[in-house]
Amino acid sequence: MTSSYDCSTEETRFEGLAHAQRAIAEQQCIVFPTDTVYGIAADAFSPLAVRLLLAAKGRSRTMPPPVLIPRVQTMDGLAVDIGDDARRLAEKFWPGALTLILHAQPSLEWDLGETKGTVALRVPDDELALEILARTGPLAVSSANRSGQPAAQTAANAQEQLAESVEVYLDGGPRPAESGSDEVALPSTIVDCTGSRARVVRQGAIALEDLRDVVPSILAFGQEVPVWQPGADSALNATASEETVSEETTGAAPAAEDAPETSAEDGAAAPGATETAADDTTALVDTTDATADETTAATTPAATTPDAPVVEQPAESAAPEAAPAVETEDSQRQDAETPRAAGSES
């Protein structure tokens, strides 16, 4: 039977945390607040519990949830081949609203869904969330809402959507704590760190400018890796600028669709309903919230005048073909905590 606890008092908080810990051990789902939105959580190492989480949200295995961890050091036990950029980002923004997609530790026996060998990790900046994680260890977490619905910013709203599919609801007040009742919470920003360059696959609470203060070469959402030019200044070839964003893509800027996850993850891989693919190595992430359909614009043919012969303009030196841009399919407005660090999370 579902239980709800008001964690504003010490007595009920302790009772609620104890019940939540038991529920996780029994492979059941719980709901608790994060620094972005409320999240639905399950034991990351229990395939059954993860399936129950996805079923509660109405999601499939193609949108695996991100994993929340209690401290930065836990990252080394769950991921491998962690680059310097990923470590710098984690040290600067954890705890906080940043989800990192990394190569998963192959020796771990877990099944988060179709992750393609990656995992999305985040350390939430929320006292109650960290207290739960300290008791349970890593949790698969997605925004506490049904897929396609706004992410819950209160425990009551989460219970309206998820009802009896959750064993324990921990009420820690509205999230984010400083937000107004009519303000939409931002999900975590999701950065894919599995390739040669870190790249944003869901823009969220942490701005690109802040990320670039730590990792100047990070690629913006939808930005392509700049083409190397022989003889060009080394700084030009080494660092991507805003102007390297592909001008050959059409369509409006990514629109928030479902509530961002992490998405609750915040959730990650992009929950809410976002699958994020970065090169062929990146997992589908619960990156609920930002969708960008990137299509290449057709080349404009040479201009012609009526009744006049078509004159071919001599081609300028052909530049090497640019690397394909990351494709982010369907992401939530705030199923925020992505992304799919494979999305989601708050």
Protein backbone atom coordinates (compact mmCIF):
# COMPACT_ATOMS: atom_id res chain seq x y z
CA MET A 1 0.00 0.00 0.00
CA THR A 2 1.29 3.44 -0.96
CA SER A 3 2.55 5.66 1.88
CA SER A 4 3.32 9.39 1.88
CA TYR A 5 5.56 11.18 4.38
CA ASP A 6 5.88 14.88 5.15
CA CYS A 7 9.64 15.32 5.52
CA SER A 8 9.38 18.81 6.99
CA THR A 9 9.44 17.35 10.52
CA GLU A 10 12.29 15.28 11.91
CA GLU A 11 10.12 12.40 13.10
CA THR A 12 8.20 11.79 9.87
CA ARG A 13 11.34 12.42 7.83
CA PHE A 14 13.20 9.65 9.64
CA GLU A 15 10.23 7.31 9.30
CA GLY A 16 9.87 8.10 5.60
CA LEU A 17 13.57 7.57 4.87
CA ALA A 18 13.51 4.20 6.64
CA HIS A 19 10.45 3.09 4.66
CA ALA A 20 12.01 4.30 1.40
CA GLN A 21 15.18 2.33 2.14
CA ARG A 22 13.14 -0.83 2.73
CA ALA A 23 11.15 -0.27 -0.45
CA ILE A 24 14.31 0.00 -2.56
CA ALA A 25 15.67 -3.18 -0.98
CA GLU A 26 12.40 -4.91 -1.91
CA GLN A 27 12.76 -3.77 -5.56
CA GLN A 28 9.91 -1.26 -5.34
CA CYS A 29 9.76 2.33 -6.57
CA ILE A 30 9.89 5.48 -4.48
CA VAL A 31 9.41 9.20 -5.21
CA PHE A 32 11.52 11.95 -3.66
CA PRO A 33 12.55 15.54 -4.45
CA THR A 34 15.77 16.46 -6.25
CA ASP A 35 17.26 19.88 -6.92
CA THR A 36 15.43 20.06 -10.26
CA VAL A 37 12.08 18.24 -9.96
CA TYR A 38 10.62 15.22 -8.16
CA GLY A 39 12.03 11.89 -9.30
CA ILE A 40 10.80 8.31 -9.35
CA ALA A 41 13.59 5.97 -8.28
CA ALA A 42 14.46 2.28 -8.20
CA ASP A 43 17.49 0.14 -7.41
CA ALA A 44 19.88 0.64 -10.37
CA PHE A 45 21.19 -2.91 -9.94
CA SER A 46 17.78 -4.60 -10.03
CA PRO A 47 16.49 -5.28 -13.58
CA LEU A 48 13.02 -5.95 -12.14
CA ALA A 49 12.95 -2.64 -10.27
CA VAL A 50 14.07 -0.73 -13.36
CA ARG A 51 11.33 -2.42 -15.41
CA LEU A 52 8.76 -1.35 -12.80
CA LEU A 53 10.06 2.23 -12.98
CA LEU A 54 9.74 2.32 -16.78
CA ALA A 55 6.28 0.76 -16.60
CA ALA A 56 5.13 3.33 -14.04
CA LYS A 57 6.14 6.10 -16.41
CA GLY A 58 4.82 4.37 -19.51
CA ARG A 59 8.25 4.10 -21.08
CA SER A 60 10.13 1.45 -23.01
CA ARG A 61 13.68 0.12 -22.69
CA THR A 62 14.74 2.45 -25.50
CA MET A 63 14.69 5.32 -23.00
CA PRO A 64 16.84 4.14 -20.08
CA PRO A 65 16.88 6.26 -16.92
CA PRO A 66 19.97 8.06 -15.64
CA VAL A 67 21.58 7.07 -12.36
CA LEU A 68 21.88 9.35 -9.34
CA ILE A 69 24.91 8.84 -7.13
CA PRO A 70 25.74 10.23 -3.66
CA ARG A 71 29.22 11.61 -4.38
CA VAL A 72 31.68 12.36 -7.18
CA GLN A 73 33.96 9.46 -6.22
CA THR A 74 31.20 6.94 -7.01
CA MET A 75 31.64 7.81 -10.70
CA ASP A 76 34.84 5.73 -10.91
CA GLY A 77 33.03 2.60 -9.74
CA LEU A 78 30.29 2.89 -12.38
CA ALA A 79 32.13 4.26 -15.43
CA VAL A 80 35.38 3.69 -17.31
CA ASP A 81 37.57 5.74 -19.65
CA ILE A 82 36.60 8.94 -17.87
CA GLY A 83 38.36 11.81 -19.62
CA ASP A 84 39.81 14.98 -18.12
CA ASP A 85 36.91 17.10 -19.42
CA ALA A 86 34.36 14.88 -17.69
CA ARG A 87 36.29 15.04 -14.42
CA ARG A 88 36.58 18.82 -14.59
CA LEU A 89 32.85 19.17 -15.21
CA ALA A 90 32.00 16.80 -12.36
CA GLU A 91 34.31 18.59 -9.92
CA LYS A 92 32.82 21.97 -10.83
CA PHE A 93 29.10 21.18 -11.13
CA TRP A 94 28.49 18.22 -8.78
CA PRO A 95 26.41 18.27 -6.73
CA GLY A 96 24.24 20.06 -9.26
CA ALA A 97 22.03 19.98 -12.32
CA LEU A 98 24.54 18.35 -14.68
CA THR A 99 24.23 14.83 -16.06
CA LEU A 100 27.27 13.22 -17.70
CA ILE A 101 27.02 10.38 -20.21
CA LEU A 102 30.01 8.06 -19.78
CA HIS A 103 31.14 4.57 -20.81
CA ALA A 104 29.58 2.15 -18.31
CA GLN A 105 31.75 -0.16 -16.22
CA PRO A 106 31.43 -3.46 -18.17
CA SER A 107 31.88 -5.62 -15.08
CA LEU A 108 28.67 -4.36 -13.45
CA GLU A 109 25.63 -6.61 -13.51
CA TRP A 110 22.80 -4.20 -14.21
CA ASP A 111 20.24 -3.62 -16.93
CA LEU A 112 19.00 -0.05 -17.34
CA GLY A 113 17.66 -0.65 -20.85
CA GLU A 114 19.19 -0.12 -24.27
CA THR A 115 22.14 2.01 -23.16
CA LYS A 116 24.66 0.90 -25.83
CA GLY A 117 27.28 0.51 -23.13
CA THR A 118 26.90 3.94 -21.58
CA VAL A 119 25.47 5.32 -18.36
CA ALA A 120 24.21 8.80 -17.44
CA LEU A 121 25.36 9.90 -13.97
CA ARG A 122 24.50 12.85 -11.72
CA VAL A 123 25.02 13.95 -8.12
CA PRO A 124 21.91 15.95 -7.10
CA ASP A 125 22.26 19.12 -5.05
CA ASP A 126 19.45 18.30 -2.63
CA GLU A 127 19.82 17.36 1.02
CA LEU A 128 16.93 14.88 1.11
CA ALA A 129 17.98 13.21 -2.15
CA LEU A 130 21.57 12.82 -0.95
CA GLU A 131 20.36 11.37 2.35
CA ILE A 132 18.39 8.71 0.49
CA LEU A 133 21.31 7.91 -1.82
CA ALA A 134 23.62 7.56 1.19
CA ARG A 135 21.27 4.86 2.51
CA THR A 136 20.56 3.03 -0.75
CA GLY A 137 23.52 3.57 -3.07
CA PRO A 138 23.09 4.43 -6.79
CA LEU A 139 19.48 4.74 -7.94
CA ALA A 140 17.96 4.71 -11.41
CA VAL A 141 15.91 7.91 -11.39
CA SER A 142 13.60 9.61 -13.86
CA SER A 143 11.23 12.53 -13.47
CA ALA A 144 8.15 11.62 -11.45
CA ASN A 145 5.47 11.81 -14.11
CA ARG A 146 3.75 9.77 -16.76
CA SER A 147 5.50 10.00 -20.10
CA GLY A 148 4.27 13.01 -22.02
CA GLN A 149 3.09 14.87 -18.91
CA PRO A 150 4.87 17.74 -17.11
CA ALA A 151 7.42 16.67 -14.53
CA ALA A 152 6.08 16.80 -10.99
CA GLN A 153 7.28 19.72 -8.88
CA THR A 154 5.44 18.54 -5.76
CA ALA A 155 4.90 15.13 -4.15
CA ALA A 156 1.12 15.54 -4.54
CA ASN A 157 1.44 16.08 -8.28
CA ALA A 158 3.69 13.02 -8.58
CA GLN A 159 1.14 10.91 -6.70
CA GLU A 160 -1.66 12.12 -8.98
CA GLN A 161 0.23 10.77 -11.98
CA LEU A 162 1.93 7.65 -10.61
CA ALA A 163 -0.57 6.57 -7.93
CA GLU A 164 -0.14 2.99 -6.64
CA SER A 165 2.85 2.20 -8.87
CA VAL A 166 5.03 3.83 -6.19
CA GLU A 167 5.44 2.41 -2.68
CA VAL A 168 6.71 5.54 -0.89
CA TYR A 169 6.28 9.26 -1.57
CA LEU A 170 8.61 11.61 0.30
CA ASP A 171 7.25 15.17 0.42
CA GLY A 172 10.01 17.75 0.71
CA GLY A 173 8.06 20.77 -0.53
CA PRO A 174 8.07 22.28 -4.03
CA ARG A 175 11.04 21.74 -6.37
CA PRO A 176 13.02 23.66 -7.25
CA ALA A 177 12.58 25.09 -3.78
CA GLU A 178 12.87 28.71 -4.97
CA SER A 179 10.47 28.33 -7.91
CA GLY A 180 7.01 29.86 -8.04
CA SER A 181 3.92 27.72 -8.42
CA ASP A 182 3.52 28.68 -12.09
CA GLU A 183 7.22 28.48 -12.98
CA VAL A 184 8.39 25.55 -15.08
CA ALA A 185 11.45 23.84 -13.60
CA LEU A 186 14.45 23.26 -15.83
CA PRO A 187 15.87 19.75 -16.11
CA SER A 188 19.55 18.97 -15.74
CA THR A 189 21.88 19.80 -18.61
CA ILE A 190 23.14 16.58 -20.22
CA VAL A 191 26.66 16.35 -21.63
CA ASP A 192 27.93 13.38 -23.62
CA CYS A 193 31.54 12.66 -22.64
CA THR A 194 31.99 9.39 -24.57
CA GLY A 195 33.52 10.90 -27.71
CA SER A 196 36.66 12.86 -28.52
CA ARG A 197 34.86 16.10 -27.64
CA ALA A 198 32.33 16.70 -24.89
CA ARG A 199 29.01 17.85 -26.30
CA VAL A 200 25.71 19.09 -24.91
CA VAL A 201 22.86 16.74 -25.85
CA ARG A 202 20.23 18.50 -23.74
CA GLN A 203 20.37 22.11 -22.65
CA GLY A 204 19.00 22.54 -19.16
CA ALA A 205 19.65 24.37 -15.91
CA ILE A 206 23.39 24.89 -16.48
CA ALA A 207 24.14 27.34 -19.28
CA LEU A 208 26.58 26.60 -22.11
CA GLU A 209 28.67 29.63 -21.15
CA ASP A 210 29.19 28.20 -17.67
CA LEU A 211 30.22 24.83 -19.11
CA ARG A 212 32.71 26.53 -21.44
CA ASP A 213 34.30 28.35 -18.50
CA VAL A 214 35.44 24.88 -17.42
CA VAL A 215 35.79 23.10 -20.80
CA PRO A 216 36.22 25.70 -23.58
CA SER A 217 36.07 23.09 -26.35
CA ILE A 218 32.65 21.68 -25.40
CA LEU A 219 30.21 21.52 -28.31
CA ALA A 220 26.81 23.19 -28.04
CA PHE A 221 23.58 21.31 -28.63
CA GLY A 222 23.44 20.48 -32.36
CA GLN A 223 26.92 21.85 -33.01
CA GLU A 224 29.20 19.94 -35.34
CA VAL A 225 32.86 19.21 -34.82
CA PRO A 226 34.67 21.92 -36.84
CA VAL A 227 36.59 20.71 -39.87
CA TRP A 228 40.34 20.71 -39.39
CA GLN A 229 42.04 23.12 -41.77
CA PRO A 230 45.68 22.49 -42.74
CA GLY A 231 47.83 25.48 -41.94
CA ALA A 232 45.18 27.15 -39.82
CA ASP A 233 46.00 28.64 -36.46
CA SER A 234 46.20 25.86 -33.84
CA ALA A 235 43.69 27.62 -31.60
CA LEU A 236 41.22 27.73 -34.49
CA ASN A 237 41.55 24.02 -35.10
CA ALA A 238 41.48 23.11 -31.42
CA THR A 239 38.52 25.07 -30.10
CA ALA A 240 34.97 25.15 -31.40
CA SER A 241 33.24 28.49 -31.46
CA GLU A 242 29.57 29.28 -31.70
CA GLU A 243 30.02 30.01 -35.39
CA THR A 244 30.90 26.39 -36.11
CA VAL A 245 27.32 25.39 -35.48
CA SER A 246 26.16 23.78 -38.68
CA GLU A 247 24.46 26.23 -40.99
CA GLU A 248 23.32 23.35 -43.10
CA THR A 249 20.60 22.32 -40.67
CA THR A 250 17.10 23.61 -41.00
CA GLY A 251 14.19 24.00 -38.63
CA ALA A 252 13.61 25.99 -35.51
CA ALA A 253 15.58 25.68 -32.31
CA PRO A 254 14.83 22.55 -30.29
CA ALA A 255 11.46 22.79 -28.65
CA ALA A 256 10.65 21.47 -25.22
CA GLU A 257 7.99 18.84 -25.57
CA ASP A 258 7.44 16.63 -22.58
CA ALA A 259 8.34 17.77 -19.13
CA PRO A 260 12.06 17.45 -18.69
CA GLU A 261 13.21 14.43 -16.87
CA THR A 262 15.59 13.83 -14.87
CA SER A 263 14.84 14.44 -16.50
CA ALA A 264 14.18 14.08 -13.15
CA GLU A 265 16.69 12.25 -13.73
CA ASP A 266 16.35 14.27 -13.73
CA GLY A 267 16.78 12.09 -14.51
CA ALA A 268 18.91 11.04 -18.20
CA ALA A 269 19.34 8.95 -21.19
CA ALA A 270 16.69 11.37 -22.14
CA PRO A 271 13.55 10.39 -20.14
CA GLY A 272 10.32 12.07 -20.91
CA ALA A 273 10.82 10.50 -24.23
CA THR A 274 14.05 11.55 -25.61
CA GLU A 275 16.59 9.33 -27.20
CA THR A 276 19.97 10.87 -27.62
CA ALA A 277 22.56 9.38 -29.88
CA ALA A 278 26.06 10.74 -30.03
CA ASP A 279 28.14 9.10 -32.63
CA ASP A 280 27.33 5.41 -32.50
CA THR A 281 28.74 4.94 -29.03
CA THR A 282 26.30 7.02 -27.03
CA ALA A 283 23.40 5.42 -25.27
CA LEU A 284 19.82 6.40 -25.73
CA VAL A 285 19.39 8.61 -22.76
CA ASP A 286 16.54 9.74 -20.72
CA THR A 287 17.08 13.30 -21.87
CA THR A 288 13.62 14.41 -21.43
CA ASP A 289 13.20 17.80 -22.71
CA ALA A 290 14.76 19.06 -25.77
CA THR A 291 14.16 17.75 -29.16
CA ALA A 292 15.96 18.79 -32.24
CA ASP A 293 15.26 17.36 -35.63
CA GLU A 294 18.33 18.17 -37.61
CA THR A 295 17.92 17.95 -41.33
CA THR A 296 20.46 18.99 -43.88
CA ALA A 297 19.32 21.78 -46.15
CA ALA A 298 19.43 21.14 -49.85
CA THR A 299 22.12 22.99 -51.73
CA THR A 300 20.73 25.92 -53.69
CA PRO A 301 21.25 25.46 -57.43
CA ALA A 302 23.10 28.07 -59.46
CA ALA A 303 20.89 30.99 -60.45
CA THR A 304 19.60 31.10 -64.02
CA THR A 305 18.00 33.78 -66.14
CA PRO A 306 15.08 33.13 -68.51
CA ASP A 307 16.11 32.26 -72.07
CA ALA A 308 19.75 32.58 -71.15
CA PRO A 309 22.23 29.74 -71.03
CA VAL A 310 23.01 28.39 -67.58
CA VAL A 311 26.46 29.48 -66.53
CA GLU A 312 28.26 27.21 -64.11
CA GLN A 313 30.17 29.04 -61.47
CA PRO A 314 33.63 27.61 -60.81
CA ALA A 315 33.68 25.77 -57.51
CA GLU A 316 35.92 27.10 -54.81
CA SER A 317 38.27 24.75 -53.07
CA ALA A 318 36.15 21.99 -51.63
CA ALA A 319 36.31 21.60 -47.89
CA PRO A 320 36.28 18.18 -46.27
CA GLU A 321 32.84 16.97 -45.36
CA ALA A 322 31.89 17.89 -41.79
CA ALA A 323 31.25 15.20 -39.21
CA PRO A 324 27.55 14.46 -38.69
CA ALA A 325 25.84 16.39 -35.95
CA VAL A 326 24.54 14.62 -32.89
CA GLU A 327 20.96 13.54 -33.32
CA THR A 328 18.63 14.08 -30.40
CA GLU A 329 15.20 12.60 -30.92
CA ASP A 330 12.20 13.58 -28.90
CA SER A 331 13.02 15.05 -25.55
CA GLN A 332 10.92 16.32 -22.72
CA ARG A 333 10.11 19.80 -21.72
CA GLN A 334 10.47 18.57 -18.24
CA ASP A 335 10.23 15.02 -17.63
CA ALA A 336 12.81 16.93 -15.51
CA GLU A 337 17.99 14.48 -13.61
CA THR A 338 19.65 13.52 -19.72
CA PRO A 339 19.31 12.67 -22.97
CA ARG A 340 18.77 9.65 -22.50
CA ALA A 341 23.46 10.11 -19.20
CA ALA A 342 21.46 7.76 -21.40
CA GLY A 343 18.08 11.23 -19.33
CA SER A 344 17.25 11.17 -17.50
CA GLU A 345 16.87 12.69 -14.38
CA SER A 346 15.85 15.33 -12.87
